[in-house]
C-alpha atoms as a PDB file:
ATOM      1  CA  UNK A   1      59.041 150.528 111.214  1.00  0.00           C
ATOM      2  CA  UNK A   2      62.484 149.145 112.122  1.00  0.00           C
ATOM      3  CA  UNK A   3      63.487 146.743 114.439  1.00  0.00           C
ATOM      4  CA  UNK A   4      65.594 147.009 117.455  1.00  0.00           C
ATOM      5  CA  UNK A   5      68.769 146.191 115.137  1.00  0.00           C
ATOM      6  CA  UNK A   6      67.359 146.522 111.638  1.00  0.00           C
ATOM      7  CA  UNK A   7      70.164 145.313 108.788  1.00  0.00           C
ATOM      8  CA  UNK A   8      71.042 144.572 105.036  1.00  0.00           C
ATOM      9  CA  UNK A   9      73.400 142.812 104.255  1.00  0.00           C
ATOM     10  CA  UNK A  10      75.569 144.346 101.462  1.00  0.00           C
ATOM     11  CA  UNK A  11      78.284 141.292 100.621  1.00  0.00           C
ATOM     12  CA  UNK A  12      78.820 138.205 102.069  1.00  0.00           C
ATOM     13  CA  UNK A  13      81.844 135.570 101.111  1.00  0.00           C
ATOM     14  CA  UNK A  14      82.300 132.080 103.252  1.00  0.00           C
ATOM     15  CA  UNK A  15      85.884 130.466 102.519  1.00  0.00           C
ATOM     16  CA  UNK A  16      86.951 127.092 102.402  1.00  0.00           C
ATOM     17  CA  UNK A  17      87.485 127.214 106.229  1.00  0.00           C
ATOM     18  CA  UNK A  18      84.049 128.357 106.903  1.00  0.00           C
ATOM     19  CA  UNK A  19      84.672 131.681 107.707  1.00  0.00           C
ATOM     20  CA  UNK A  20      82.370 134.028 106.818  1.00  0.00           C
ATOM     21  CA  UNK A  21      82.937 137.754 105.708  1.00  0.00           C
ATOM     22  CA  UNK A  22      80.377 140.247 104.979  1.00  0.00           C
ATOM     23  CA  UNK A  23      79.536 144.137 104.844  1.00  0.00           C
ATOM     24  CA  UNK A  24      76.386 144.775 106.609  1.00  0.00           C
ATOM     25  CA  UNK A  25      74.603 147.881 106.620  1.00  0.00           C
ATOM     26  CA  UNK A  26      72.771 149.090 110.692  1.00  0.00           C
ATOM     27  CA  UNK A  27      69.395 150.963 109.421  1.00  0.00           C
ATOM     28  CA  UNK A  28      68.599 151.480 113.058  1.00  0.00           C
ATOM     29  CA  UNK A  29      68.842 150.681 116.667  1.00  0.00           C
ATOM     30  CA  UNK A  30      69.933 152.748 120.012  1.00  0.00           C
ATOM     31  CA  UNK A  31      72.020 155.588 118.980  1.00  0.00           C
ATOM     32  CA  UNK A  32      72.064 155.015 115.478  1.00  0.00           C
ATOM     33  CA  UNK A  33      70.576 158.615 113.491  1.00  0.00           C
ATOM     34  CA  UNK A  34      72.634 157.492 110.534  1.00  0.00           C
ATOM     35  CA  UNK A  35      73.503 154.565 108.377  1.00  0.00           C
ATOM     36  CA  UNK A  36      76.490 152.267 110.069  1.00  0.00           C
ATOM     37  CA  UNK A  37      78.414 150.167 107.440  1.00  0.00           C
ATOM     38  CA  UNK A  38      79.650 147.242 109.153  1.00  0.00           C
ATOM     39  CA  UNK A  39      82.486 145.008 108.118  1.00  0.00           C
ATOM     40  CA  UNK A  40      81.379 141.558 109.715  1.00  0.00           C
ATOM     41  CA  UNK A  41      83.431 137.996 110.225  1.00  0.00           C
ATOM     42  CA  UNK A  42      81.584 135.094 111.565  1.00  0.00           C
ATOM     43  CA  UNK A  43      83.846 132.042 112.751  1.00  0.00           C
ATOM     44  CA  UNK A  44      82.781 128.187 111.134  1.00  0.00           C
ATOM     45  CA  UNK A  45      82.470 127.518 115.184  1.00  0.00           C
ATOM     46  CA  UNK A  46      80.569 130.264 116.277  1.00  0.00           C
ATOM     47  CA  UNK A  47      78.277 132.003 114.024  1.00  0.00           C
ATOM     48  CA  UNK A  48      75.936 133.755 116.263  1.00  0.00           C
ATOM     49  CA  UNK A  49      78.647 135.844 117.964  1.00  0.00           C
ATOM     50  CA  UNK A  50      79.892 137.905 114.711  1.00  0.00           C
ATOM     51  CA  UNK A  51      82.551 140.352 115.109  1.00  0.00           C
ATOM     52  CA  UNK A  52      81.872 143.772 113.799  1.00  0.00           C
ATOM     53  CA  UNK A  53      83.726 146.069 113.175  1.00  0.00           C
ATOM     54  CA  UNK A  54      82.857 149.974 112.469  1.00  0.00           C
ATOM     55  CA  UNK A  55      85.665 151.505 110.398  1.00  0.00           C
ATOM     56  CA  UNK A  56      85.336 155.520 109.854  1.00  0.00           C
ATOM     57  CA  UNK A  57      85.076 156.476 106.123  1.00  0.00           C
ATOM     58  CA  UNK A  58      88.563 157.063 105.406  1.00  0.00           C
ATOM     59  CA  UNK A  59      88.851 153.981 106.506  1.00  0.00           C
ATOM     60  CA  UNK A  60      86.426 152.011 104.255  1.00  0.00           C
ATOM     61  CA  UNK A  61      88.044 154.149 101.754  1.00  0.00           C
ATOM     62  CA  UNK A  62      91.386 153.090 102.221  1.00  0.00           C
ATOM     63  CA  UNK A  63      90.189 149.649 102.641  1.00  0.00           C
ATOM     64  CA  UNK A  64      88.201 149.236  99.508  1.00  0.00           C
ATOM     65  CA  UNK A  65      91.093 151.384  97.445  1.00  0.00           C
ATOM     66  CA  UNK A  66      93.960 148.822  99.163  1.00  0.00           C
ATOM     67  CA  UNK A  67      91.599 145.684  98.136  1.00  0.00           C
ATOM     68  CA  UNK A  68      91.046 146.926  94.342  1.00  0.00           C
ATOM     69  CA  UNK A  69      94.370 147.017  94.366  1.00  0.00           C
ATOM     70  CA  UNK A  70      95.358 143.937  95.456  1.00  0.00           C
ATOM     71  CA  UNK A  71      92.833 142.345  93.476  1.00  0.00           C
ATOM     72  CA  UNK A  72      94.825 143.459  90.759  1.00  0.00           C
ATOM     73  CA  UNK A  73      97.859 142.663  91.946  1.00  0.00           C
ATOM     74  CA  UNK A  74      96.404 138.821  92.658  1.00  0.00           C
ATOM     75  CA  UNK A  75      95.261 138.272  89.304  1.00  0.00           C
ATOM     76  CA  UNK A  76      98.365 136.538  88.201  1.00  0.00           C
ATOM     77  CA  UNK A  77      99.583 133.973  90.526  1.00  0.00           C
ATOM     78  CA  UNK A  78     103.415 134.466  92.021  1.00  0.00           C
ATOM     79  CA  UNK A  79     104.590 131.774  93.884  1.00  0.00           C
ATOM     80  CA  UNK A  80     107.907 132.236  96.578  1.00  0.00           C
ATOM     81  CA  UNK A  81     110.435 129.928  95.931  1.00  0.00           C
ATOM     82  CA  UNK A  82     113.526 131.428  98.206  1.00  0.00           C
ATOM     83  CA  UNK A  83     113.571 133.351 101.089  1.00  0.00           C
ATOM     84  CA  UNK A  84     115.046 135.879  99.114  1.00  0.00           C
ATOM     85  CA  UNK A  85     111.939 136.480  97.218  1.00  0.00           C
ATOM     86  CA  UNK A  86     109.734 136.615 100.398  1.00  0.00           C
ATOM     87  CA  UNK A  87     111.873 139.442 101.116  1.00  0.00           C
ATOM     88  CA  UNK A  88     111.640 141.050  98.317  1.00  0.00           C
ATOM     89  CA  UNK A  89     107.620 141.067  98.210  1.00  0.00           C
ATOM     90  CA  UNK A  90     108.047 141.610 102.032  1.00  0.00           C
ATOM     91  CA  UNK A  91     109.492 144.413 101.205  1.00  0.00           C
ATOM     92  CA  UNK A  92     107.166 146.192  98.583  1.00  0.00           C
ATOM     93  CA  UNK A  93     104.022 144.816 100.407  1.00  0.00           C
ATOM     94  CA  UNK A  94     102.612 148.418 101.810  1.00  0.00           C
ATOM     95  CA  UNK A  95      99.330 150.122 100.594  1.00  0.00           C
ATOM     96  CA  UNK A  96     101.437 152.918  98.572  1.00  0.00           C
ATOM     97  CA  UNK A  97     103.308 150.325  96.839  1.00  0.00           C
ATOM     98  CA  UNK A  98     100.838 148.268  96.021  1.00  0.00           C
ATOM     99  CA  UNK A  99      98.690 150.821  94.475  1.00  0.00           C
ATOM    100  CA  UNK A 100     101.610 151.578  92.196  1.00  0.00           C
ATOM    101  CA  UNK A 101     102.573 148.492  91.325  1.00  0.00           C
ATOM    102  CA  UNK A 102      98.369 147.438  90.251  1.00  0.00           C
ATOM    103  CA  UNK A 103      98.646 150.738  88.798  1.00  0.00           C
ATOM    104  CA  UNK A 104     101.541 149.713  86.374  1.00  0.00           C
ATOM    105  CA  UNK A 105      99.912 146.618  86.003  1.00  0.00           C
ATOM    106  CA  UNK A 106      96.560 147.957  85.207  1.00  0.00           C
ATOM    107  CA  UNK A 107      98.299 149.974  82.201  1.00  0.00           C
ATOM    108  CA  UNK A 108     100.401 147.316  80.711  1.00  0.00           C
ATOM    109  CA  UNK A 109      97.318 145.247  80.356  1.00  0.00           C
ATOM    110  CA  UNK A 110      95.835 148.070  78.999  1.00  0.00           C
ATOM    111  CA  UNK A 111      98.157 148.222  76.497  1.00  0.00           C
ATOM    112  CA  UNK A 112      98.691 144.661  75.630  1.00  0.00           C
ATOM    113  CA  UNK A 113      94.771 144.475  75.116  1.00  0.00           C
ATOM    114  CA  UNK A 114      95.564 147.329  72.701  1.00  0.00           C
ATOM    115  CA  UNK A 115      98.377 145.684  70.889  1.00  0.00           C
ATOM    116  CA  UNK A 116      96.906 142.172  70.899  1.00  0.00           C
ATOM    117  CA  UNK A 117      93.940 143.574  68.630  1.00  0.00           C
ATOM    118  CA  UNK A 118      95.797 146.033  66.612  1.00  0.00           C
ATOM    119  CA  UNK A 119      96.593 144.743  63.411  1.00  0.00           C
END
């Protein structure tokens, strides 16, 4: 039997500042006819009152794809040393361009792996 708000935390991470992000599946409760997936953010000073965001299915897919691409981009440290560099990055940090850059980095990484193991 489900409690009023039966939930399962699927993923969570707490950063150095004590903020916590998690993905939660709400399995039951008033008005719940199917599983609801939520992104939950909790503040260190107010952990008992988290903020829940329930994206659309398309929103979850877009966010997930963007996070994978950003993960690829973040594998290599990039430092901004001049205003011009900051401006250049600001011009390319859009989801569509991030995906293109990440795909290029993935392909370069695969090519480097093959070259490194050959001969």
